[in-house]
């Protein structure tokens, strides 16, 4: 069973080195070192417990002022190692988001160590834009996202720019770096 503190450190290192360091998300830098960035490590192993953890984080985010919790990463340390299992849970989480009436208020972003975009070559470097050391669901406030997108020139170009950045690094270097992040503490 992984150490919760190590899982959080690895996740924060990934945010620093990959997400912000490679500028994959140009909006992440301001919140990176803020106490308003919540990293919640879930050590549960069973589906119902994982969904309960999801609902608790969803409730916390929507009931807490943005200045206290701007965004949350829910990291699954002991479950969902299979990408297919992760996608199943993510689909259930999306359903719960809809049923809770928070669709349009909270948006979910997905990250997994074995993330694969549907229809892309499994060896494509583009998958690394959504690869994290641990299975993770990122909760984003829609109004916060709208504000930062409104101030950013050409946000539609971000995915293409990310693909170019990751391709320039190369598959072997990306695999090595993600392995270092997962094994480091």
N, C-alpha and C. Protein backbone atom coordinates (compact mmCIF):
# COMPACT_ATOMS: atom_id res chain seq x y z
N UNK A 1 0.85 -1.18 0.00
CA UNK A 1 0.00 0.00 0.00
C UNK A 1 0.90 1.25 0.00
N UNK A 2 0.73 2.12 -0.98
CA UNK A 2 1.58 3.31 -1.06
C UNK A 2 1.33 4.28 0.10
N UNK A 3 2.36 4.96 0.48
CA UNK A 3 2.28 5.98 1.53
C UNK A 3 1.52 7.20 0.99
N UNK A 4 0.51 7.64 1.73
CA UNK A 4 -0.34 8.76 1.28
C UNK A 4 0.49 10.02 1.02
N UNK A 5 1.44 10.31 1.90
CA UNK A 5 2.27 11.51 1.72
C UNK A 5 3.12 11.39 0.46
N UNK A 6 3.64 10.19 0.19
CA UNK A 6 4.44 9.99 -1.02
C UNK A 6 3.57 10.17 -2.27
N UNK A 7 2.35 9.65 -2.23
CA UNK A 7 1.43 9.80 -3.37
C UNK A 7 1.16 11.28 -3.62
N UNK A 8 0.92 12.03 -2.56
CA UNK A 8 0.68 13.47 -2.73
C UNK A 8 1.93 14.17 -3.26
N UNK A 9 3.10 13.84 -2.73
CA UNK A 9 4.35 14.45 -3.22
C UNK A 9 4.57 14.15 -4.70
N UNK A 10 4.34 12.91 -5.09
CA UNK A 10 4.51 12.52 -6.49
C UNK A 10 3.52 13.27 -7.38
N UNK A 11 2.31 13.43 -6.91
CA UNK A 11 1.30 14.16 -7.68
C UNK A 11 1.69 15.63 -7.81
N UNK A 12 2.14 16.22 -6.72
CA UNK A 12 2.56 17.63 -6.78
C UNK A 12 3.82 17.80 -7.65
N UNK A 13 4.72 16.83 -7.62
CA UNK A 13 5.90 16.88 -8.49
C UNK A 13 5.48 16.81 -9.95
N UNK A 14 4.50 15.96 -10.26
CA UNK A 14 3.97 15.87 -11.63
C UNK A 14 3.36 17.21 -12.04
N UNK A 15 2.59 17.82 -11.16
CA UNK A 15 2.01 19.13 -11.47
C UNK A 15 3.11 20.15 -11.77
N UNK A 16 4.14 20.16 -10.93
CA UNK A 16 5.22 21.13 -11.08
C UNK A 16 6.04 20.87 -12.34
N UNK A 17 6.44 19.63 -12.54
CA UNK A 17 7.37 19.31 -13.62
C UNK A 17 6.69 19.11 -14.97
N UNK A 18 5.51 18.51 -14.98
CA UNK A 18 4.83 18.24 -16.24
C UNK A 18 3.81 19.31 -16.58
N UNK A 19 2.82 19.43 -15.74
CA UNK A 19 1.68 20.30 -16.07
C UNK A 19 2.12 21.75 -16.18
N UNK A 20 2.86 22.24 -15.19
CA UNK A 20 3.33 23.63 -15.22
C UNK A 20 4.67 23.74 -15.94
N UNK A 21 5.59 22.83 -15.64
CA UNK A 21 6.93 22.90 -16.22
C UNK A 21 6.93 22.83 -17.74
N UNK A 22 6.05 22.03 -18.31
CA UNK A 22 5.94 21.94 -19.77
C UNK A 22 4.84 22.85 -20.31
N UNK A 23 4.21 23.60 -19.43
CA UNK A 23 3.13 24.52 -19.79
C UNK A 23 1.97 23.80 -20.49
N UNK A 24 1.68 22.57 -20.05
CA UNK A 24 0.57 21.82 -20.63
C UNK A 24 -0.76 22.46 -20.27
N UNK A 25 -0.82 23.06 -19.09
CA UNK A 25 -1.99 23.84 -18.69
C UNK A 25 -1.52 25.22 -18.27
N UNK A 26 -1.67 26.20 -19.14
CA UNK A 26 -1.16 27.54 -18.82
C UNK A 26 -1.88 28.21 -17.66
N UNK A 27 -2.94 27.60 -17.16
CA UNK A 27 -3.72 28.20 -16.08
C UNK A 27 -3.35 27.63 -14.71
N UNK A 28 -2.50 26.62 -14.69
CA UNK A 28 -2.20 25.92 -13.44
C UNK A 28 -1.18 26.65 -12.57
N UNK A 29 -0.30 27.41 -13.15
CA UNK A 29 0.79 28.02 -12.39
C UNK A 29 0.31 28.84 -11.19
N UNK A 30 -0.69 29.72 -11.34
CA UNK A 30 -1.08 30.55 -10.19
C UNK A 30 -1.57 29.76 -8.97
N UNK A 31 -2.18 28.61 -9.20
CA UNK A 31 -2.75 27.86 -8.08
C UNK A 31 -1.78 26.80 -7.55
N UNK A 32 -0.69 26.56 -8.27
CA UNK A 32 0.22 25.46 -7.93
C UNK A 32 0.70 25.49 -6.49
N UNK A 33 1.17 26.61 -6.02
CA UNK A 33 1.70 26.71 -4.66
C UNK A 33 0.71 27.29 -3.67
N UNK A 34 -0.53 27.40 -4.10
CA UNK A 34 -1.56 27.99 -3.25
C UNK A 34 -2.16 26.93 -2.33
N UNK A 35 -2.51 27.31 -1.12
CA UNK A 35 -3.23 26.36 -0.25
C UNK A 35 -4.63 26.04 -0.80
N UNK A 36 -5.08 26.78 -1.81
CA UNK A 36 -6.39 26.53 -2.41
C UNK A 36 -6.35 25.36 -3.40
N UNK A 37 -5.16 24.82 -3.67
CA UNK A 37 -5.04 23.60 -4.46
C UNK A 37 -5.13 22.41 -3.50
N UNK A 38 -6.18 21.63 -3.65
CA UNK A 38 -6.38 20.47 -2.77
C UNK A 38 -5.99 19.20 -3.51
N UNK A 39 -5.13 18.43 -2.89
CA UNK A 39 -4.80 17.09 -3.38
C UNK A 39 -5.31 16.11 -2.32
N UNK A 40 -6.37 15.38 -2.68
CA UNK A 40 -6.99 14.43 -1.76
C UNK A 40 -6.61 13.02 -2.20
N UNK A 41 -5.93 12.30 -1.35
CA UNK A 41 -5.51 10.93 -1.66
C UNK A 41 -6.53 9.96 -1.07
N UNK A 42 -7.11 9.16 -1.95
CA UNK A 42 -8.09 8.14 -1.55
C UNK A 42 -7.37 6.80 -1.48
N UNK A 43 -7.42 6.15 -0.33
CA UNK A 43 -6.76 4.85 -0.19
C UNK A 43 -7.74 3.68 -0.24
N UNK A 44 -8.98 3.96 -0.62
CA UNK A 44 -10.00 2.91 -0.71
C UNK A 44 -9.72 2.03 -1.94
N UNK A 45 -10.33 0.84 -1.95
CA UNK A 45 -10.07 -0.10 -3.04
C UNK A 45 -11.32 -0.53 -3.80
N UNK A 46 -12.49 -0.35 -3.22
CA UNK A 46 -13.73 -0.85 -3.82
C UNK A 46 -14.53 0.26 -4.47
N UNK A 47 -15.21 -0.08 -5.57
CA UNK A 47 -15.98 0.89 -6.34
C UNK A 47 -16.91 1.78 -5.53
N UNK A 48 -17.77 1.23 -4.67
CA UNK A 48 -18.67 2.10 -3.90
C UNK A 48 -17.92 3.09 -3.00
N UNK A 49 -16.81 2.64 -2.42
CA UNK A 49 -16.01 3.53 -1.57
C UNK A 49 -15.34 4.63 -2.40
N UNK A 50 -14.93 4.28 -3.61
CA UNK A 50 -14.30 5.26 -4.49
C UNK A 50 -15.32 6.33 -4.90
N UNK A 51 -16.54 5.89 -5.17
CA UNK A 51 -17.58 6.85 -5.54
C UNK A 51 -17.99 7.71 -4.35
N UNK A 52 -17.97 7.14 -3.16
CA UNK A 52 -18.23 7.96 -1.96
C UNK A 52 -17.16 9.03 -1.81
N UNK A 53 -15.90 8.66 -2.04
CA UNK A 53 -14.81 9.64 -1.96
C UNK A 53 -15.02 10.73 -3.01
N UNK A 54 -15.46 10.34 -4.20
CA UNK A 54 -15.76 11.31 -5.26
C UNK A 54 -16.84 12.27 -4.80
N UNK A 55 -17.93 11.73 -4.25
CA UNK A 55 -19.04 12.58 -3.80
C UNK A 55 -18.63 13.51 -2.66
N UNK A 56 -17.80 13.02 -1.76
CA UNK A 56 -17.32 13.88 -0.67
C UNK A 56 -16.51 15.06 -1.21
N UNK A 57 -15.64 14.79 -2.18
CA UNK A 57 -14.84 15.88 -2.76
C UNK A 57 -15.71 16.83 -3.57
N UNK A 58 -16.69 16.28 -4.27
CA UNK A 58 -17.62 17.12 -5.03
C UNK A 58 -18.37 18.05 -4.10
N UNK A 59 -18.86 17.51 -3.00
CA UNK A 59 -19.58 18.31 -2.01
C UNK A 59 -18.68 19.37 -1.39
N UNK A 60 -17.47 18.97 -1.04
CA UNK A 60 -16.53 19.91 -0.43
C UNK A 60 -16.24 21.08 -1.37
N UNK A 61 -15.98 20.77 -2.64
CA UNK A 61 -15.63 21.84 -3.58
C UNK A 61 -16.79 22.79 -3.80
N UNK A 62 -17.98 22.26 -3.98
CA UNK A 62 -19.11 23.14 -4.28
C UNK A 62 -19.61 23.90 -3.06
N UNK A 63 -19.24 23.45 -1.87
CA UNK A 63 -19.71 24.13 -0.66
C UNK A 63 -18.63 24.98 0.01
N UNK A 64 -17.45 25.05 -0.60
CA UNK A 64 -16.33 25.79 -0.03
C UNK A 64 -15.99 26.97 -0.94
N UNK A 65 -15.73 28.14 -0.39
CA UNK A 65 -15.37 29.29 -1.23
C UNK A 65 -14.11 29.01 -2.05
N UNK A 66 -14.08 29.57 -3.24
CA UNK A 66 -12.96 29.37 -4.16
C UNK A 66 -11.63 29.77 -3.55
N UNK A 67 -11.62 30.81 -2.73
CA UNK A 67 -10.34 31.24 -2.15
C UNK A 67 -9.80 30.21 -1.15
N UNK A 68 -10.66 29.33 -0.65
CA UNK A 68 -10.22 28.27 0.27
C UNK A 68 -9.85 26.98 -0.47
N UNK A 69 -10.69 26.59 -1.43
CA UNK A 69 -10.41 25.43 -2.28
C UNK A 69 -10.79 25.82 -3.70
N UNK A 70 -9.77 26.11 -4.50
CA UNK A 70 -10.01 26.54 -5.87
C UNK A 70 -10.26 25.35 -6.78
N UNK A 71 -9.53 24.29 -6.55
CA UNK A 71 -9.60 23.11 -7.40
C UNK A 71 -9.11 21.90 -6.60
N UNK A 72 -9.56 20.73 -6.99
CA UNK A 72 -9.21 19.51 -6.26
C UNK A 72 -8.74 18.43 -7.21
N UNK A 73 -7.69 17.74 -6.81
CA UNK A 73 -7.28 16.51 -7.49
C UNK A 73 -7.55 15.36 -6.53
N UNK A 74 -8.42 14.45 -6.95
CA UNK A 74 -8.71 13.24 -6.18
C UNK A 74 -7.85 12.13 -6.75
N UNK A 75 -6.91 11.66 -5.96
CA UNK A 75 -5.90 10.69 -6.41
C UNK A 75 -6.21 9.34 -5.78
N UNK A 76 -6.30 8.32 -6.61
CA UNK A 76 -6.63 6.97 -6.15
C UNK A 76 -5.34 6.16 -6.02
N UNK A 77 -4.92 5.92 -4.78
CA UNK A 77 -3.62 5.28 -4.53
C UNK A 77 -3.66 3.76 -4.56
N UNK A 78 -4.83 3.17 -4.32
CA UNK A 78 -4.91 1.71 -4.18
C UNK A 78 -5.91 1.06 -5.11
N UNK A 79 -6.34 1.77 -6.12
CA UNK A 79 -7.36 1.22 -7.01
C UNK A 79 -7.19 1.81 -8.41
N UNK A 80 -7.92 1.22 -9.33
CA UNK A 80 -8.03 1.75 -10.69
C UNK A 80 -6.72 1.74 -11.47
N UNK A 81 -5.87 0.77 -11.18
CA UNK A 81 -4.62 0.67 -11.94
C UNK A 81 -4.88 0.31 -13.40
N UNK A 82 -5.98 -0.40 -13.66
CA UNK A 82 -6.39 -0.69 -15.03
C UNK A 82 -7.08 0.55 -15.61
N UNK A 83 -6.64 0.97 -16.79
CA UNK A 83 -7.24 2.15 -17.42
C UNK A 83 -8.72 1.92 -17.69
N UNK A 84 -9.10 0.71 -18.07
CA UNK A 84 -10.52 0.43 -18.32
C UNK A 84 -11.35 0.55 -17.04
N UNK A 85 -10.82 0.05 -15.93
CA UNK A 85 -11.52 0.21 -14.65
C UNK A 85 -11.67 1.69 -14.30
N UNK A 86 -10.61 2.45 -14.55
CA UNK A 86 -10.64 3.89 -14.30
C UNK A 86 -11.73 4.55 -15.14
N UNK A 87 -11.79 4.20 -16.43
CA UNK A 87 -12.80 4.80 -17.31
C UNK A 87 -14.22 4.46 -16.83
N UNK A 88 -14.41 3.24 -16.34
CA UNK A 88 -15.72 2.86 -15.80
C UNK A 88 -16.09 3.75 -14.61
N UNK A 89 -15.14 3.94 -13.70
CA UNK A 89 -15.41 4.80 -12.54
C UNK A 89 -15.65 6.24 -12.98
N UNK A 90 -14.87 6.71 -13.94
CA UNK A 90 -15.03 8.07 -14.44
C UNK A 90 -16.43 8.27 -15.05
N UNK A 91 -16.92 7.27 -15.78
CA UNK A 91 -18.28 7.35 -16.34
C UNK A 91 -19.31 7.43 -15.21
N UNK A 92 -19.13 6.63 -14.17
CA UNK A 92 -20.03 6.70 -13.02
C UNK A 92 -19.95 8.06 -12.34
N UNK A 93 -18.73 8.60 -12.24
CA UNK A 93 -18.54 9.93 -11.62
C UNK A 93 -19.23 11.01 -12.45
N UNK A 94 -19.12 10.91 -13.76
CA UNK A 94 -19.81 11.89 -14.63
C UNK A 94 -21.32 11.80 -14.43
N UNK A 95 -21.83 10.58 -14.31
CA UNK A 95 -23.27 10.39 -14.05
C UNK A 95 -23.67 11.04 -12.73
N UNK A 96 -22.86 10.83 -11.69
CA UNK A 96 -23.15 11.43 -10.38
C UNK A 96 -23.09 12.95 -10.44
N UNK A 97 -22.14 13.48 -11.19
CA UNK A 97 -22.05 14.93 -11.37
C UNK A 97 -23.34 15.46 -11.99
N UNK A 98 -23.82 14.77 -13.02
CA UNK A 98 -25.07 15.16 -13.68
C UNK A 98 -26.25 15.05 -12.72
N UNK A 99 -26.35 13.93 -12.03
CA UNK A 99 -27.47 13.70 -11.10
C UNK A 99 -27.47 14.71 -9.95
N UNK A 100 -26.31 15.19 -9.58
CA UNK A 100 -26.22 16.14 -8.47
C UNK A 100 -26.61 17.56 -8.88
N UNK A 101 -26.81 17.76 -10.19
CA UNK A 101 -27.15 19.09 -10.68
C UNK A 101 -25.95 20.02 -10.76
N UNK A 102 -24.74 19.48 -10.68
CA UNK A 102 -23.54 20.31 -10.70
C UNK A 102 -22.84 20.33 -12.05
N UNK A 103 -23.43 19.69 -13.04
CA UNK A 103 -22.89 19.80 -14.39
C UNK A 103 -23.04 21.26 -14.82
N UNK A 104 -21.98 21.84 -15.34
CA UNK A 104 -21.99 23.26 -15.66
C UNK A 104 -21.47 24.11 -14.52
N UNK A 105 -21.32 23.52 -13.35
CA UNK A 105 -20.74 24.20 -12.19
C UNK A 105 -19.34 23.64 -11.93
N UNK A 106 -19.24 22.32 -11.99
CA UNK A 106 -17.97 21.61 -11.81
C UNK A 106 -17.71 20.81 -13.08
N UNK A 107 -16.47 20.82 -13.52
CA UNK A 107 -16.04 20.03 -14.67
C UNK A 107 -14.99 19.04 -14.19
N UNK A 108 -14.97 17.86 -14.79
CA UNK A 108 -13.99 16.85 -14.43
C UNK A 108 -12.96 16.69 -15.54
N UNK A 109 -11.71 16.58 -15.14
CA UNK A 109 -10.64 16.24 -16.07
C UNK A 109 -10.02 14.94 -15.59
N UNK A 110 -9.57 14.12 -16.52
CA UNK A 110 -9.12 12.78 -16.15
C UNK A 110 -7.65 12.56 -16.48
N UNK A 111 -6.98 11.86 -15.56
CA UNK A 111 -5.56 11.55 -15.70
C UNK A 111 -5.31 10.14 -15.17
N UNK A 112 -4.44 9.42 -15.86
CA UNK A 112 -4.14 8.04 -15.47
C UNK A 112 -2.74 7.70 -15.98
N UNK A 113 -2.01 6.83 -15.26
CA UNK A 113 -0.67 6.46 -15.71
C UNK A 113 -0.64 5.83 -17.11
N UNK A 114 -1.73 5.18 -17.51
CA UNK A 114 -1.80 4.52 -18.82
C UNK A 114 -2.82 5.17 -19.74
N UNK A 115 -3.03 6.47 -19.57
CA UNK A 115 -4.05 7.18 -20.34
C UNK A 115 -3.83 6.98 -21.84
N UNK A 116 -4.91 6.68 -22.56
CA UNK A 116 -4.89 6.55 -24.01
C UNK A 116 -6.07 7.31 -24.59
N UNK A 117 -5.78 8.20 -25.53
CA UNK A 117 -6.86 8.86 -26.25
C UNK A 117 -7.42 7.88 -27.27
N UNK A 118 -8.74 7.78 -27.32
CA UNK A 118 -9.41 6.87 -28.23
C UNK A 118 -9.03 7.19 -29.67
N UNK A 119 -8.67 6.16 -30.42
CA UNK A 119 -8.38 6.33 -31.83
C UNK A 119 -6.95 6.77 -32.15
N UNK A 120 -6.14 7.01 -31.14
CA UNK A 120 -4.75 7.41 -31.40
C UNK A 120 -3.83 6.22 -31.23
N UNK A 121 -2.72 6.26 -31.95
CA UNK A 121 -1.69 5.23 -31.85
C UNK A 121 -1.27 5.10 -30.38
N UNK A 122 -1.27 3.89 -29.84
CA UNK A 122 -0.87 3.72 -28.43
C UNK A 122 0.53 4.25 -28.12
N UNK A 123 1.38 4.36 -29.13
CA UNK A 123 2.74 4.87 -28.91
C UNK A 123 2.84 6.39 -29.08
N UNK A 124 1.71 7.06 -29.30
CA UNK A 124 1.74 8.51 -29.50
C UNK A 124 2.14 9.22 -28.21
N UNK A 125 2.94 10.24 -28.34
CA UNK A 125 3.36 11.01 -27.17
C UNK A 125 2.23 11.87 -26.62
N UNK A 126 1.21 12.12 -27.42
CA UNK A 126 0.10 12.98 -26.98
C UNK A 126 -0.61 12.45 -25.74
N UNK A 127 -0.57 11.13 -25.53
CA UNK A 127 -1.23 10.55 -24.35
C UNK A 127 -0.66 11.10 -23.05
N UNK A 128 0.60 11.55 -23.10
CA UNK A 128 1.26 12.01 -21.87
C UNK A 128 0.68 13.32 -21.35
N UNK A 129 -0.13 14.00 -22.15
CA UNK A 129 -0.79 15.21 -21.64
C UNK A 129 -1.81 14.85 -20.56
N UNK A 130 -2.26 13.59 -20.55
CA UNK A 130 -3.23 13.14 -19.55
C UNK A 130 -2.71 11.97 -18.72
N UNK A 131 -1.40 11.81 -18.70
CA UNK A 131 -0.81 10.77 -17.86
C UNK A 131 -0.28 11.39 -16.59
N UNK A 132 -0.66 10.78 -15.48
CA UNK A 132 -0.23 11.23 -14.16
C UNK A 132 0.35 10.01 -13.43
N UNK A 133 1.08 10.24 -12.35
CA UNK A 133 1.65 9.10 -11.63
C UNK A 133 0.59 8.15 -11.06
N UNK A 134 -0.60 8.67 -10.78
CA UNK A 134 -1.66 7.88 -10.16
C UNK A 134 -2.98 8.19 -10.86
N UNK A 135 -3.94 7.25 -10.85
CA UNK A 135 -5.27 7.56 -11.37
C UNK A 135 -5.83 8.77 -10.62
N UNK A 136 -6.28 9.76 -11.37
CA UNK A 136 -6.67 11.04 -10.76
C UNK A 136 -7.88 11.62 -11.47
N UNK A 137 -8.78 12.17 -10.69
CA UNK A 137 -9.88 12.99 -11.23
C UNK A 137 -9.65 14.41 -10.73
N UNK A 138 -9.62 15.34 -11.67
CA UNK A 138 -9.42 16.75 -11.35
C UNK A 138 -10.77 17.45 -11.40
N UNK A 139 -11.15 18.08 -10.31
CA UNK A 139 -12.39 18.85 -10.21
C UNK A 139 -12.06 20.31 -10.50
N UNK A 140 -12.70 20.86 -11.51
CA UNK A 140 -12.48 22.26 -11.88
C UNK A 140 -13.77 23.04 -11.74
N UNK A 141 -13.67 24.23 -11.20
CA UNK A 141 -14.84 25.11 -11.12
C UNK A 141 -15.04 25.74 -12.50
N UNK A 142 -16.24 25.57 -13.06
CA UNK A 142 -16.52 26.09 -14.39
C UNK A 142 -16.37 27.61 -14.47
N UNK A 143 -16.82 28.34 -13.44
CA UNK A 143 -16.72 29.80 -13.49
C UNK A 143 -15.26 30.25 -13.45
N UNK A 144 -14.43 29.57 -12.69
CA UNK A 144 -13.00 29.88 -12.65
C UNK A 144 -12.36 29.59 -14.01
N UNK A 145 -12.74 28.47 -14.60
CA UNK A 145 -12.23 28.09 -15.91
C UNK A 145 -12.65 29.11 -16.97
N UNK A 146 -13.89 29.55 -16.91
CA UNK A 146 -14.37 30.56 -17.87
C UNK A 146 -13.58 31.86 -17.74
N UNK A 147 -13.29 32.25 -16.52
CA UNK A 147 -12.51 33.49 -16.32
C UNK A 147 -11.12 33.39 -16.94
N UNK A 148 -10.42 32.30 -16.67
CA UNK A 148 -9.05 32.19 -17.18
C UNK A 148 -9.05 31.97 -18.69
N UNK A 149 -10.01 31.23 -19.21
CA UNK A 149 -10.09 31.04 -20.66
C UNK A 149 -10.39 32.35 -21.37
N UNK A 150 -11.21 33.19 -20.75
CA UNK A 150 -11.55 34.48 -21.34
C UNK A 150 -10.37 35.42 -21.45
N UNK A 151 -9.38 35.23 -20.58
CA UNK A 151 -8.19 36.08 -20.58
C UNK A 151 -7.04 35.49 -21.37
N UNK A 152 -7.21 34.30 -21.93
CA UNK A 152 -6.11 33.61 -22.60
C UNK A 152 -6.31 33.66 -24.11
N UNK A 153 -5.30 34.11 -24.85
CA UNK A 153 -5.44 34.17 -26.30
C UNK A 153 -5.42 32.76 -26.92
N UNK A 154 -6.41 32.45 -27.72
CA UNK A 154 -6.46 31.22 -28.50
C UNK A 154 -6.37 29.94 -27.66
N UNK A 155 -7.28 29.76 -26.70
CA UNK A 155 -7.22 28.55 -25.87
C UNK A 155 -7.44 27.27 -26.68
N UNK A 156 -8.08 27.38 -27.84
CA UNK A 156 -8.32 26.20 -28.67
C UNK A 156 -7.02 25.60 -29.19
N UNK A 157 -5.94 26.40 -29.20
CA UNK A 157 -4.65 25.92 -29.71
C UNK A 157 -3.86 25.14 -28.66
N UNK A 158 -4.32 25.12 -27.42
CA UNK A 158 -3.57 24.46 -26.34
C UNK A 158 -3.33 22.97 -26.64
N UNK A 159 -4.34 22.19 -27.03
CA UNK A 159 -4.07 20.76 -27.27
C UNK A 159 -3.03 20.52 -28.37
N UNK A 160 -3.10 21.29 -29.44
CA UNK A 160 -2.12 21.12 -30.53
C UNK A 160 -0.72 21.50 -30.06
N UNK A 161 -0.63 22.58 -29.31
CA UNK A 161 0.68 23.00 -28.78
C UNK A 161 1.23 21.93 -27.84
N UNK A 162 0.36 21.34 -27.02
CA UNK A 162 0.79 20.28 -26.12
C UNK A 162 1.32 19.07 -26.90
N UNK A 163 0.63 18.70 -27.97
CA UNK A 163 1.09 17.57 -28.78
C UNK A 163 2.47 17.85 -29.36
N UNK A 164 2.70 19.08 -29.81
CA UNK A 164 4.01 19.45 -30.36
C UNK A 164 5.08 19.42 -29.27
N UNK A 165 4.76 19.96 -28.11
CA UNK A 165 5.72 19.96 -27.00
C UNK A 165 6.11 18.54 -26.62
N UNK A 166 5.12 17.67 -26.46
CA UNK A 166 5.39 16.30 -26.05
C UNK A 166 6.14 15.53 -27.12
N UNK A 167 5.80 15.75 -28.39
CA UNK A 167 6.51 15.09 -29.48
C UNK A 167 7.98 15.52 -29.51
N UNK A 168 8.23 16.79 -29.21
CA UNK A 168 9.62 17.27 -29.23
C UNK A 168 10.46 16.64 -28.11
N UNK A 169 9.83 16.22 -27.04
CA UNK A 169 10.54 15.57 -25.94
C UNK A 169 10.84 14.12 -26.29
N UNK A 170 9.89 13.47 -26.92
CA UNK A 170 10.08 12.08 -27.36
C UNK A 170 9.54 11.06 -26.38
N UNK A 171 9.15 9.93 -26.93
CA UNK A 171 8.49 8.88 -26.15
C UNK A 171 9.38 8.32 -25.04
N UNK A 172 10.63 8.01 -25.35
CA UNK A 172 11.50 7.41 -24.34
C UNK A 172 11.74 8.35 -23.17
N UNK A 173 11.98 9.61 -23.45
CA UNK A 173 12.21 10.59 -22.38
C UNK A 173 10.95 10.78 -21.54
N UNK A 174 9.78 10.80 -22.17
CA UNK A 174 8.53 10.95 -21.43
C UNK A 174 8.28 9.73 -20.53
N UNK A 175 8.51 8.55 -21.06
CA UNK A 175 8.34 7.33 -20.25
C UNK A 175 9.29 7.34 -19.06
N UNK A 176 10.51 7.73 -19.31
CA UNK A 176 11.51 7.77 -18.24
C UNK A 176 11.10 8.76 -17.15
N UNK A 177 10.67 9.94 -17.58
CA UNK A 177 10.30 10.98 -16.61
C UNK A 177 9.08 10.57 -15.79
N UNK A 178 8.07 10.00 -16.44
CA UNK A 178 6.88 9.59 -15.68
C UNK A 178 7.21 8.44 -14.73
N UNK A 179 8.09 7.55 -15.14
CA UNK A 179 8.52 6.47 -14.24
C UNK A 179 9.25 7.04 -13.03
N UNK A 180 10.12 8.02 -13.26
CA UNK A 180 10.83 8.68 -12.15
C UNK A 180 9.85 9.33 -11.17
N UNK A 181 8.83 9.99 -11.71
CA UNK A 181 7.85 10.65 -10.85
C UNK A 181 7.09 9.63 -10.00
N UNK A 182 6.75 8.50 -10.60
CA UNK A 182 5.97 7.47 -9.89
C UNK A 182 6.82 6.76 -8.84
N UNK A 183 8.08 6.55 -9.17
CA UNK A 183 8.95 5.81 -8.25
C UNK A 183 9.58 6.71 -7.20
N UNK A 184 9.65 8.00 -7.50
CA UNK A 184 10.25 8.93 -6.55
C UNK A 184 9.30 9.22 -5.41
N UNK A 185 9.80 9.82 -4.39
CA UNK A 185 8.92 10.22 -3.28
C UNK A 185 9.49 11.47 -2.68
